[in-house]
Amino acid sequence: MTVRFASARCAVRSPLARVLSRGKIGAVANDSAGREAREIMSDTTKAALRHFAEHGLRAVPVALNNATLAASAAQEEDYRHWVGIARELDAGAAARFETLRRPVEDRLIG
């Protein structure tokens, strides 16, 4: 009986490797035409990102608690700042909070 030698396929050119290989990466979707991200972000967005970095997943409840404290101290600017941060992180939670706090907000403005 004769023995035949069949060499292994080249792994780089195998059909499976070609299917699983990735193509060239195209242009990125968020390309800002050379402007840096910090030039594009608003001050509220920057503050929200810093707040999230400090508090993690508890960032929204902490921001809303700070807004409550500012409202009880009649500090309108601080109240708006904390609600703005909460809105950047979770718009739904901030909207529910503002709906519940509407009488307090009216006292701050009036």
PDB file of N, CA and C in Angstrom:
ATOM      1  N   MET A   1       0.849  -1.154   0.000  1.00  0.00           N
ATOM      2  CA  MET A   1       0.000   0.000   0.000  1.00  0.00           C
ATOM      3  C   MET A   1       0.902   1.225   0.000  1.00  0.00           C
ATOM      4  N   THR A   2       0.561   2.169  -0.860  1.00  0.00           N
ATOM      5  CA  THR A   2       1.372   3.364  -0.959  1.00  0.00           C
ATOM      6  C   THR A   2       0.860   4.413   0.015  1.00  0.00           C
ATOM      7  N   VAL A   3       1.758   5.234   0.473  1.00  0.00           N
ATOM      8  CA  VAL A   3       1.414   6.317   1.389  1.00  0.00           C
ATOM      9  C   VAL A   3       1.502   7.615   0.611  1.00  0.00           C
ATOM     10  N   ARG A   4       0.445   8.347   0.660  1.00  0.00           N
ATOM     11  CA  ARG A   4       0.433   9.635  -0.023  1.00  0.00           C
ATOM     12  C   ARG A   4       0.571  10.742   1.012  1.00  0.00           C
ATOM     13  N   PHE A   5       1.303  11.709   0.675  1.00  0.00           N
ATOM     14  CA  PHE A   5       1.497  12.852   1.567  1.00  0.00           C
ATOM     15  C   PHE A   5       0.668  14.019   1.053  1.00  0.00           C
ATOM     16  N   ALA A   6      -0.199  14.534   1.914  1.00  0.00           N
ATOM     17  CA  ALA A   6      -0.997  15.705   1.565  1.00  0.00           C
ATOM     18  C   ALA A   6      -0.614  16.805   2.547  1.00  0.00           C
ATOM     19  N   SER A   7       0.012  17.807   2.035  1.00  0.00           N
ATOM     20  CA  SER A   7       0.455  18.876   2.923  1.00  0.00           C
ATOM     21  C   SER A   7      -0.746  19.687   3.407  1.00  0.00           C
ATOM     22  N   ALA A   8      -0.578  20.302   4.563  1.00  0.00           N
ATOM     23  CA  ALA A   8      -1.648  21.114   5.137  1.00  0.00           C
ATOM     24  C   ALA A   8      -1.839  22.381   4.308  1.00  0.00           C
ATOM     25  N   ARG A   9      -3.058  22.899   4.337  1.00  0.00           N
ATOM     26  CA  ARG A   9      -3.325  24.145   3.630  1.00  0.00           C
ATOM     27  C   ARG A   9      -2.701  25.311   4.378  1.00  0.00           C
ATOM     28  N   CYS A  10      -2.455  26.336   3.650  1.00  0.00           N
ATOM     29  CA  CYS A  10      -1.962  27.567   4.276  1.00  0.00           C
ATOM     30  C   CYS A  10      -3.130  28.191   5.043  1.00  0.00           C
ATOM     31  N   ALA A  11      -2.942  28.447   6.310  1.00  0.00           N
ATOM     32  CA  ALA A  11      -4.024  28.948   7.162  1.00  0.00           C
ATOM     33  C   ALA A  11      -4.498  30.329   6.723  1.00  0.00           C
ATOM     34  N   VAL A  12      -3.624  31.122   6.175  1.00  0.00           N
ATOM     35  CA  VAL A  12      -3.988  32.479   5.778  1.00  0.00           C
ATOM     36  C   VAL A  12      -4.926  32.475   4.585  1.00  0.00           C
ATOM     37  N   ARG A  13      -4.743  31.528   3.670  1.00  0.00           N
ATOM     38  CA  ARG A  13      -5.550  31.499   2.449  1.00  0.00           C
ATOM     39  C   ARG A  13      -6.680  30.489   2.496  1.00  0.00           C
ATOM     40  N   SER A  14      -6.952  29.903   3.652  1.00  0.00           N
ATOM     41  CA  SER A  14      -8.020  28.912   3.728  1.00  0.00           C
ATOM     42  C   SER A  14      -9.375  29.594   3.546  1.00  0.00           C
ATOM     43  N   PRO A  15     -10.359  28.862   3.066  1.00  0.00           N
ATOM     44  CA  PRO A  15     -11.686  29.463   2.875  1.00  0.00           C
ATOM     45  C   PRO A  15     -12.275  30.006   4.172  1.00  0.00           C
ATOM     46  N   LEU A  16     -12.044  29.310   5.266  1.00  0.00           N
ATOM     47  CA  LEU A  16     -12.560  29.773   6.549  1.00  0.00           C
ATOM     48  C   LEU A  16     -11.896  31.074   6.981  1.00  0.00           C
ATOM     49  N   ALA A  17     -10.604  31.187   6.785  1.00  0.00           N
ATOM     50  CA  ALA A  17      -9.902  32.415   7.148  1.00  0.00           C
ATOM     51  C   ALA A  17     -10.376  33.595   6.304  1.00  0.00           C
ATOM     52  N   ARG A  18     -10.670  33.354   5.042  1.00  0.00           N
ATOM     53  CA  ARG A  18     -11.169  34.440   4.197  1.00  0.00           C
ATOM     54  C   ARG A  18     -12.546  34.899   4.630  1.00  0.00           C
ATOM     55  N   VAL A  19     -13.397  33.976   5.062  1.00  0.00           N
ATOM     56  CA  VAL A  19     -14.739  34.342   5.509  1.00  0.00           C
ATOM     57  C   VAL A  19     -14.674  35.134   6.809  1.00  0.00           C
ATOM     58  N   LEU A  20     -13.809  34.710   7.706  1.00  0.00           N
ATOM     59  CA  LEU A  20     -13.733  35.343   9.022  1.00  0.00           C
ATOM     60  C   LEU A  20     -12.878  36.605   9.057  1.00  0.00           C
ATOM     61  N   SER A  21     -12.146  36.867   8.004  1.00  0.00           N
ATOM     62  CA  SER A  21     -11.281  38.040   8.018  1.00  0.00           C
ATOM     63  C   SER A  21     -12.098  39.314   7.868  1.00  0.00           C
ATOM     64  N   ARG A  22     -11.592  40.363   8.432  1.00  0.00           N
ATOM     65  CA  ARG A  22     -12.253  41.660   8.354  1.00  0.00           C
ATOM     66  C   ARG A  22     -11.726  42.437   7.165  1.00  0.00           C
ATOM     67  N   GLY A  23     -12.594  43.247   6.626  1.00  0.00           N
ATOM     68  CA  GLY A  23     -12.181  44.086   5.517  1.00  0.00           C
ATOM     69  C   GLY A  23     -11.457  45.321   6.027  1.00  0.00           C
ATOM     70  N   LYS A  24     -11.122  46.188   5.134  1.00  0.00           N
ATOM     71  CA  LYS A  24     -10.458  47.421   5.513  1.00  0.00           C
ATOM     72  C   LYS A  24     -11.409  48.310   6.292  1.00  0.00           C
ATOM     73  N   ILE A  25     -10.868  49.026   7.240  1.00  0.00           N
ATOM     74  CA  ILE A  25     -11.679  49.938   8.040  1.00  0.00           C
ATOM     75  C   ILE A  25     -11.865  51.220   7.248  1.00  0.00           C
ATOM     76  N   GLY A  26     -13.120  51.613   7.089  1.00  0.00           N
ATOM     77  CA  GLY A  26     -13.430  52.834   6.348  1.00  0.00           C
ATOM     78  C   GLY A  26     -13.310  54.050   7.254  1.00  0.00           C
ATOM     79  N   ALA A  27     -13.850  55.142   6.816  1.00  0.00           N
ATOM     80  CA  ALA A  27     -13.832  56.366   7.606  1.00  0.00           C
ATOM     81  C   ALA A  27     -14.717  56.186   8.835  1.00  0.00           C
ATOM     82  N   VAL A  28     -14.313  56.777   9.940  1.00  0.00           N
ATOM     83  CA  VAL A  28     -15.088  56.656  11.167  1.00  0.00           C
ATOM     84  C   VAL A  28     -16.348  57.502  11.076  1.00  0.00           C
ATOM     85  N   ALA A  29     -17.393  57.049  11.731  1.00  0.00           N
ATOM     86  CA  ALA A  29     -18.687  57.715  11.629  1.00  0.00           C
ATOM     87  C   ALA A  29     -18.724  59.042  12.373  1.00  0.00           C
ATOM     88  N   ASN A  30     -17.947  59.167  13.429  1.00  0.00           N
ATOM     89  CA  ASN A  30     -18.000  60.389  14.214  1.00  0.00           C
ATOM     90  C   ASN A  30     -16.815  61.311  13.916  1.00  0.00           C
ATOM     91  N   ASP A  31     -16.338  61.258  12.716  1.00  0.00           N
ATOM     92  CA  ASP A  31     -15.222  62.106  12.326  1.00  0.00           C
ATOM     93  C   ASP A  31     -15.667  63.560  12.350  1.00  0.00           C
ATOM     94  N   SER A  32     -14.959  64.372  13.112  1.00  0.00           N
ATOM     95  CA  SER A  32     -15.378  65.761  13.290  1.00  0.00           C
ATOM     96  C   SER A  32     -14.526  66.729  12.472  1.00  0.00           C
ATOM     97  N   ALA A  33     -13.992  66.271  11.393  1.00  0.00           N
ATOM     98  CA  ALA A  33     -13.227  67.098  10.458  1.00  0.00           C
ATOM     99  C   ALA A  33     -12.097  67.851  11.138  1.00  0.00           C
ATOM    100  N   GLY A  34     -11.389  67.155  12.017  1.00  0.00           N
ATOM    101  CA  GLY A  34     -10.203  67.734  12.634  1.00  0.00           C
ATOM    102  C   GLY A  34     -10.439  68.463  13.943  1.00  0.00           C
ATOM    103  N   ARG A  35     -11.678  68.776  14.291  1.00  0.00           N
ATOM    104  CA  ARG A  35     -11.940  69.449  15.559  1.00  0.00           C
ATOM    105  C   ARG A  35     -11.875  68.440  16.680  1.00  0.00           C
ATOM    106  N   GLU A  36     -11.334  68.844  17.785  1.00  0.00           N
ATOM    107  CA  GLU A  36     -11.238  67.935  18.918  1.00  0.00           C
ATOM    108  C   GLU A  36     -12.573  67.841  19.627  1.00  0.00           C
ATOM    109  N   ALA A  37     -12.792  66.722  20.324  1.00  0.00           N
ATOM    110  CA  ALA A  37     -14.083  66.478  20.970  1.00  0.00           C
ATOM    111  C   ALA A  37     -14.384  67.514  22.041  1.00  0.00           C
ATOM    112  N   ARG A  38     -13.387  67.970  22.761  1.00  0.00           N
ATOM    113  CA  ARG A  38     -13.669  68.928  23.834  1.00  0.00           C
ATOM    114  C   ARG A  38     -14.097  70.290  23.292  1.00  0.00           C
ATOM    115  N   GLU A  39     -13.798  70.584  22.030  1.00  0.00           N
ATOM    116  CA  GLU A  39     -14.269  71.825  21.424  1.00  0.00           C
ATOM    117  C   GLU A  39     -15.741  71.712  21.025  1.00  0.00           C
ATOM    118  N   ILE A  40     -16.209  70.498  20.794  1.00  0.00           N
ATOM    119  CA  ILE A  40     -17.564  70.272  20.347  1.00  0.00           C
ATOM    120  C   ILE A  40     -18.531  70.171  21.527  1.00  0.00           C
ATOM    121  N   MET A  41     -18.079  69.603  22.638  1.00  0.00           N
ATOM    122  CA  MET A  41     -18.947  69.358  23.783  1.00  0.00           C
ATOM    123  C   MET A  41     -19.308  70.641  24.518  1.00  0.00           C
ATOM    124  N   SER A  42     -20.534  70.677  24.996  1.00  0.00           N
ATOM    125  CA  SER A  42     -20.958  71.813  25.812  1.00  0.00           C
ATOM    126  C   SER A  42     -20.390  71.663  27.221  1.00  0.00           C
ATOM    127  N   ASP A  43     -20.469  72.740  27.981  1.00  0.00           N
ATOM    128  CA  ASP A  43     -19.977  72.695  29.361  1.00  0.00           C
ATOM    129  C   ASP A  43     -20.784  71.713  30.197  1.00  0.00           C
ATOM    130  N   THR A  44     -22.084  71.621  29.921  1.00  0.00           N
ATOM    131  CA  THR A  44     -22.926  70.681  30.664  1.00  0.00           C
ATOM    132  C   THR A  44     -22.530  69.243  30.361  1.00  0.00           C
ATOM    133  N   THR A  45     -22.218  68.947  29.110  1.00  0.00           N
ATOM    134  CA  THR A  45     -21.795  67.598  28.746  1.00  0.00           C
ATOM    135  C   THR A  45     -20.478  67.245  29.415  1.00  0.00           C
ATOM    136  N   LYS A  46     -19.544  68.175  29.427  1.00  0.00           N
ATOM    137  CA  LYS A  46     -18.264  67.937  30.107  1.00  0.00           C
ATOM    138  C   LYS A  46     -18.477  67.687  31.586  1.00  0.00           C
ATOM    139  N   ALA A  47     -19.330  68.501  32.216  1.00  0.00           N
ATOM    140  CA  ALA A  47     -19.606  68.331  33.642  1.00  0.00           C
ATOM    141  C   ALA A  47     -20.295  66.995  33.900  1.00  0.00           C
ATOM    142  N   ALA A  48     -21.200  66.594  33.008  1.00  0.00           N
ATOM    143  CA  ALA A  48     -21.889  65.316  33.168  1.00  0.00           C
ATOM    144  C   ALA A  48     -20.914  64.144  33.046  1.00  0.00           C
ATOM    145  N   LEU A  49     -19.981  64.231  32.128  1.00  0.00           N
ATOM    146  CA  LEU A  49     -18.995  63.158  31.975  1.00  0.00           C
ATOM    147  C   LEU A  49     -18.075  63.078  33.196  1.00  0.00           C
ATOM    148  N   ARG A  50     -17.676  64.236  33.722  1.00  0.00           N
ATOM    149  CA  ARG A  50     -16.852  64.228  34.943  1.00  0.00           C
ATOM    150  C   ARG A  50     -17.641  63.642  36.113  1.00  0.00           C
ATOM    151  N   HIS A  51     -18.909  64.027  36.215  1.00  0.00           N
ATOM    152  CA  HIS A  51     -19.763  63.524  37.290  1.00  0.00           C
ATOM    153  C   HIS A  51     -19.948  62.011  37.166  1.00  0.00           C
ATOM    154  N   PHE A  52     -20.158  61.531  35.938  1.00  0.00           N
ATOM    155  CA  PHE A  52     -20.303  60.090  35.721  1.00  0.00           C
ATOM    156  C   PHE A  52     -19.007  59.355  36.057  1.00  0.00           C
ATOM    157  N   ALA A  53     -17.870  59.942  35.723  1.00  0.00           N
ATOM    158  CA  ALA A  53     -16.586  59.313  36.035  1.00  0.00           C
ATOM    159  C   ALA A  53     -16.394  59.194  37.542  1.00  0.00           C
ATOM    160  N   GLU A  54     -16.905  60.150  38.280  1.00  0.00           N
ATOM    161  CA  GLU A  54     -16.746  60.137  39.730  1.00  0.00           C
ATOM    162  C   GLU A  54     -17.730  59.182  40.411  1.00  0.00           C
ATOM    163  N   HIS A  55     -18.985  59.142  39.927  1.00  0.00           N
ATOM    164  CA  HIS A  55     -20.020  58.391  40.631  1.00  0.00           C
ATOM    165  C   HIS A  55     -20.487  57.125  39.919  1.00  0.00           C
ATOM    166  N   GLY A  56     -20.102  56.920  38.694  1.00  0.00           N
ATOM    167  CA  GLY A  56     -20.488  55.702  37.978  1.00  0.00           C
ATOM    168  C   GLY A  56     -21.989  55.626  37.752  1.00  0.00           C
ATOM    169  N   LEU A  57     -22.561  54.443  37.968  1.00  0.00           N
ATOM    170  CA  LEU A  57     -23.970  54.229  37.690  1.00  0.00           C
ATOM    171  C   LEU A  57     -24.890  54.968  38.656  1.00  0.00           C
ATOM    172  N   ARG A  58     -24.356  55.474  39.750  1.00  0.00           N
ATOM    173  CA  ARG A  58     -25.154  56.258  40.697  1.00  0.00           C
ATOM    174  C   ARG A  58     -25.121  57.738  40.354  1.00  0.00           C
ATOM    175  N   ALA A  59     -24.597  58.101  39.212  1.00  0.00           N
ATOM    176  CA  ALA A  59     -24.431  59.510  38.858  1.00  0.00           C
ATOM    177  C   ALA A  59     -25.761  60.245  38.758  1.00  0.00           C
ATOM    178  N   VAL A  60     -26.763  59.641  38.162  1.00  0.00           N
ATOM    179  CA  VAL A  60     -28.058  60.320  38.000  1.00  0.00           C
ATOM    180  C   VAL A  60     -28.745  60.517  39.346  1.00  0.00           C
ATOM    181  N   PRO A  61     -28.873  59.488  40.197  1.00  0.00           N
ATOM    182  CA  PRO A  61     -29.486  59.734  41.501  1.00  0.00           C
ATOM    183  C   PRO A  61     -28.732  60.767  42.345  1.00  0.00           C
ATOM    184  N   VAL A  62     -27.410  60.761  42.262  1.00  0.00           N
ATOM    185  CA  VAL A  62     -26.625  61.751  43.015  1.00  0.00           C
ATOM    186  C   VAL A  62     -26.897  63.149  42.477  1.00  0.00           C
ATOM    187  N   ALA A  63     -26.945  63.294  41.158  1.00  0.00           N
ATOM    188  CA  ALA A  63     -27.222  64.606  40.560  1.00  0.00           C
ATOM    189  C   ALA A  63     -28.615  65.096  40.930  1.00  0.00           C
ATOM    190  N   LEU A  64     -29.604  64.203  40.911  1.00  0.00           N
ATOM    191  CA  LEU A  64     -30.958  64.603  41.276  1.00  0.00           C
ATOM    192  C   LEU A  64     -31.061  64.926  42.758  1.00  0.00           C
ATOM    193  N   ASN A  65     -30.321  64.226  43.583  1.00  0.00           N
ATOM    194  CA  ASN A  65     -30.281  64.554  45.010  1.00  0.00           C
ATOM    195  C   ASN A  65     -29.654  65.933  45.214  1.00  0.00           C
ATOM    196  N   ASN A  66     -28.587  66.229  44.483  1.00  0.00           N
ATOM    197  CA  ASN A  66     -27.965  67.552  44.565  1.00  0.00           C
ATOM    198  C   ASN A  66     -28.926  68.637  44.078  1.00  0.00           C
ATOM    199  N   ALA A  67     -29.728  68.310  43.067  1.00  0.00           N
ATOM    200  CA  ALA A  67     -30.730  69.271  42.583  1.00  0.00           C
ATOM    201  C   ALA A  67     -31.782  69.519  43.654  1.00  0.00           C
ATOM    202  N   THR A  68     -32.187  68.472  44.356  1.00  0.00           N
ATOM    203  CA  THR A  68     -33.158  68.617  45.435  1.00  0.00           C
ATOM    204  C   THR A  68     -32.607  69.495  46.547  1.00  0.00           C
ATOM    205  N   LEU A  69     -31.348  69.268  46.908  1.00  0.00           N
ATOM    206  CA  LEU A  69     -30.726  70.094  47.948  1.00  0.00           C
ATOM    207  C   LEU A  69     -30.614  71.550  47.519  1.00  0.00           C
ATOM    208  N   ALA A  70     -30.285  71.770  46.257  1.00  0.00           N
ATOM    209  CA  ALA A  70     -30.185  73.139  45.748  1.00  0.00           C
ATOM    210  C   ALA A  70     -31.557  73.804  45.724  1.00  0.00           C
ATOM    211  N   ALA A  71     -32.590  73.049  45.382  1.00  0.00           N
ATOM    212  CA  ALA A  71     -33.943  73.608  45.357  1.00  0.00           C
ATOM    213  C   ALA A  71     -34.404  73.967  46.757  1.00  0.00           C
ATOM    214  N   SER A  72     -34.089  73.117  47.724  1.00  0.00           N
ATOM    215  CA  SER A  72     -34.511  73.413  49.096  1.00  0.00           C
ATOM    216  C   SER A  72     -33.750  74.598  49.673  1.00  0.00           C
ATOM    217  N   ALA A  73     -32.568  74.876  49.145  1.00  0.00           N
ATOM    218  CA  ALA A  73     -31.788  76.034  49.579  1.00  0.00           C
ATOM    219  C   ALA A  73     -32.059  77.256  48.713  1.00  0.00           C
ATOM    220  N   ALA A  74     -33.030  77.146  47.787  1.00  0.00           N
ATOM    221  CA  ALA A  74     -33.417  78.237  46.875  1.00  0.00           C
ATOM    222  C   ALA A  74     -32.248  78.741  46.042  1.00  0.00           C
ATOM    223  N   GLN A  75     -31.428  77.821  45.574  1.00  0.00           N
ATOM    224  CA  GLN A  75     -30.294  78.158  44.707  1.00  0.00           C
ATOM    225  C   GLN A  75     -30.646  77.728  43.284  1.00  0.00           C
ATOM    226  N   GLU A  76     -31.241  78.647  42.554  1.00  0.00           N
ATOM    227  CA  GLU A  76     -31.765  78.329  41.226  1.00  0.00           C
ATOM    228  C   GLU A  76     -30.671  77.894  40.252  1.00  0.00           C
ATOM    229  N   GLU A  77     -29.543  78.579  40.267  1.00  0.00           N
ATOM    230  CA  GLU A  77     -28.466  78.262  39.324  1.00  0.00           C
ATOM    231  C   GLU A  77     -27.923  76.856  39.571  1.00  0.00           C
ATOM    232  N   ASP A  78     -27.713  76.512  40.840  1.00  0.00           N
ATOM    233  CA  ASP A  78     -27.238  75.163  41.163  1.00  0.00           C
ATOM    234  C   ASP A  78     -28.274  74.107  40.807  1.00  0.00           C
ATOM    235  N   TYR A  79     -29.546  74.430  41.076  1.00  0.00           N
ATOM    236  CA  TYR A  79     -30.629  73.506  40.724  1.00  0.00           C
ATOM    237  C   TYR A  79     -30.614  73.218  39.230  1.00  0.00           C
ATOM    238  N   ARG A  80     -30.549  74.235  38.413  1.00  0.00           N
ATOM    239  CA  ARG A  80     -30.537  74.051  36.956  1.00  0.00           C
ATOM    240  C   ARG A  80     -29.291  73.285  36.496  1.00  0.00           C
ATOM    241  N   HIS A  81     -28.153  73.549  37.143  1.00  0.00           N
ATOM    242  CA  HIS A  81     -26.907  72.855  36.816  1.00  0.00           C
ATOM    243  C   HIS A  81     -27.064  71.349  37.030  1.00  0.00           C
ATOM    244  N   TRP A  82     -27.598  70.950  38.197  1.00  0.00           N
ATOM    245  CA  TRP A  82     -27.705  69.529  38.512  1.00  0.00           C
ATOM    246  C   TRP A  82     -28.776  68.836  37.684  1.00  0.00           C
ATOM    247  N   VAL A  83     -29.860  69.525  37.403  1.00  0.00           N
ATOM    248  CA  VAL A  83     -30.887  68.940  36.538  1.00  0.00           C
ATOM    249  C   VAL A  83     -30.338  68.796  35.120  1.00  0.00           C
ATOM    250  N   GLY A  84     -29.535  69.755  34.676  1.00  0.00           N
ATOM    251  CA  GLY A  84     -28.907  69.660  33.355  1.00  0.00           C
ATOM    252  C   GLY A  84     -27.966  68.478  33.250  1.00  0.00           C
ATOM    253  N   ILE A  85     -27.199  68.238  34.306  1.00  0.00           N
ATOM    254  CA  ILE A  85     -26.306  67.070  34.320  1.00  0.00           C
ATOM    255  C   ILE A  85     -27.129  65.790  34.271  1.00  0.00           C
ATOM    256  N   ALA A  86     -28.183  65.724  35.081  1.00  0.00           N
ATOM    257  CA  ALA A  86     -29.040  64.530  35.066  1.00  0.00           C
ATOM    258  C   ALA A  86     -29.679  64.350  33.699  1.00  0.00           C
ATOM    259  N   ARG A  87     -30.074  65.438  33.045  1.00  0.00           N
ATOM    260  CA  ARG A  87     -30.688  65.361  31.712  1.00  0.00           C
ATOM    261  C   ARG A  87     -29.704  64.824  30.688  1.00  0.00           C
ATOM    262  N   GLU A  88     -28.442  65.222  30.799  1.00  0.00           N
ATOM    263  CA  GLU A  88     -27.425  64.713  29.873  1.00  0.00           C
ATOM    264  C   GLU A  88     -27.229  63.210  30.037  1.00  0.00           C
ATOM    265  N   LEU A  89     -27.306  62.725  31.280  1.00  0.00           N
ATOM    266  CA  LEU A  89     -27.049  61.315  31.542  1.00  0.00           C
ATOM    267  C   LEU A  89     -28.286  60.432  31.350  1.00  0.00           C
ATOM    268  N   ASP A  90     -29.462  60.945  31.744  1.00  0.00           N
ATOM    269  CA  ASP A  90     -30.700  60.165  31.626  1.00  0.00           C
ATOM    270  C   ASP A  90     -31.863  61.136  31.491  1.00  0.00           C
ATOM    271  N   ALA A  91     -32.247  61.411  30.260  1.00  0.00           N
ATOM    272  CA  ALA A  91     -33.281  62.413  29.988  1.00  0.00           C
ATOM    273  C   ALA A  91     -34.624  62.014  30.588  1.00  0.00           C
ATOM    274  N   GLY A  92     -34.948  60.737  30.584  1.00  0.00           N
ATOM    275  CA  GLY A  92     -36.217  60.276  31.128  1.00  0.00           C
ATOM    276  C   GLY A  92     -36.314  60.493  32.625  1.00  0.00           C
ATOM    277  N   ALA A  93     -35.253  60.154  33.346  1.00  0.00           N
ATOM    278  CA  ALA A  93     -35.242  60.340  34.797  1.00  0.00           C
ATOM    279  C   ALA A  93     -35.316  61.821  35.147  1.00  0.00           C
ATOM    280  N   ALA A  94     -34.622  62.651  34.392  1.00  0.00           N
ATOM    281  CA  ALA A  94     -34.655  64.100  34.646  1.00  0.00           C
ATOM    282  C   ALA A  94     -36.046  64.661  34.368  1.00  0.00           C
ATOM    283  N   ALA A  95     -36.718  64.170  33.333  1.00  0.00           N
ATOM    284  CA  ALA A  95     -38.070  64.642  33.021  1.00  0.00           C
ATOM    285  C   ALA A  95     -39.050  64.243  34.117  1.00  0.00           C
ATOM    286  N   ARG A  96     -38.939  63.002  34.614  1.00  0.00           N
ATOM    287  CA  ARG A  96     -39.807  62.573  35.716  1.00  0.00           C
ATOM    288  C   ARG A  96     -39.542  63.399  36.964  1.00  0.00           C
ATOM    289  N   PHE A  97     -38.272  63.669  37.235  1.00  0.00           N
ATOM    290  CA  PHE A  97     -37.905  64.468  38.399  1.00  0.00           C
ATOM    291  C   PHE A  97     -38.474  65.879  38.288  1.00  0.00           C
ATOM    292  N   GLU A  98     -38.335  66.485  37.125  1.00  0.00           N
ATOM    293  CA  GLU A  98     -38.848  67.849  36.943  1.00  0.00           C
ATOM    294  C   GLU A  98     -40.370  67.897  37.043  1.00  0.00           C
ATOM    295  N   THR A  99     -41.045  66.850  36.591  1.00  0.00           N
ATOM    296  CA  THR A  99     -42.500  66.799  36.710  1.00  0.00           C
ATOM    297  C   THR A  99     -42.915  66.757  38.173  1.00  0.00           C
ATOM    298  N   LEU A 100     -42.197  65.973  38.961  1.00  0.00           N
ATOM    299  CA  LEU A 100     -42.512  65.879  40.381  1.00  0.00           C
ATOM    300  C   LEU A 100     -42.109  67.137  41.144  1.00  0.00           C
ATOM    301  N   ARG A 101     -41.068  67.817  40.671  1.00  0.00           N
ATOM    302  CA  ARG A 101     -40.542  68.991  41.374  1.00  0.00           C
ATOM    303  C   ARG A 101     -41.084  70.298  40.811  1.00  0.00           C
ATOM    304  N   ARG A 102     -42.068  70.272  39.939  1.00  0.00           N
ATOM    305  CA  ARG A 102     -42.575  71.491  39.306  1.00  0.00           C
ATOM    306  C   ARG A 102     -42.985  72.558  40.313  1.00  0.00           C
ATOM    307  N   PRO A 103     -43.688  72.229  41.404  1.00  0.00           N
ATOM    308  CA  PRO A 103     -44.037  73.280  42.373  1.00  0.00           C
ATOM    309  C   PRO A 103     -42.804  73.955  42.990  1.00  0.00           C
ATOM    310  N   VAL A 104     -41.751  73.171  43.246  1.00  0.00           N
ATOM    311  CA  VAL A 104     -40.528  73.740  43.817  1.00  0.00           C
ATOM    312  C   VAL A 104     -39.869  74.661  42.796  1.00  0.00           C
ATOM    313  N   GLU A 105     -39.856  74.236  41.541  1.00  0.00           N
ATOM    314  CA  GLU A 105     -39.253  75.053  40.478  1.00  0.00           C
ATOM    315  C   GLU A 105     -40.023  76.356  40.315  1.00  0.00           C
ATOM    316  N   ASP A 106     -41.334  76.299  40.429  1.00  0.00           N
ATOM    317  CA  ASP A 106     -42.133  77.517  40.317  1.00  0.00           C
ATOM    318  C   ASP A 106     -41.816  78.500  41.453  1.00  0.00           C
ATOM    319  N   ARG A 107     -41.550  77.962  42.647  1.00  0.00           N
ATOM    320  CA  ARG A 107     -41.170  78.833  43.763  1.00  0.00           C
ATOM    321  C   ARG A 107     -39.812  79.486  43.527  1.00  0.00           C
ATOM    322  N   LEU A 108     -38.901  78.752  42.881  1.00  0.00           N
ATOM    323  CA  LEU A 108     -37.576  79.320  42.606  1.00  0.00           C
ATOM    324  C   LEU A 108     -37.670  80.478  41.619  1.00  0.00           C
ATOM    325  N   ILE A 109     -38.495  80.305  40.598  1.00  0.00           N
ATOM    326  CA  ILE A 109     -38.624  81.321  39.558  1.00  0.00           C
ATOM    327  C   ILE A 109     -39.435  82.503  40.049  1.00  0.00           C
ATOM    328  N   GLY A 110     -40.531  82.233  40.770  1.00  0.00           N
ATOM    329  CA  GLY A 110     -41.442  83.297  41.203  1.00  0.00           C
ATOM    330  C   GLY A 110     -40.979  84.008  42.382  1.00  0.00           C
TER     331      GLY A 110
END
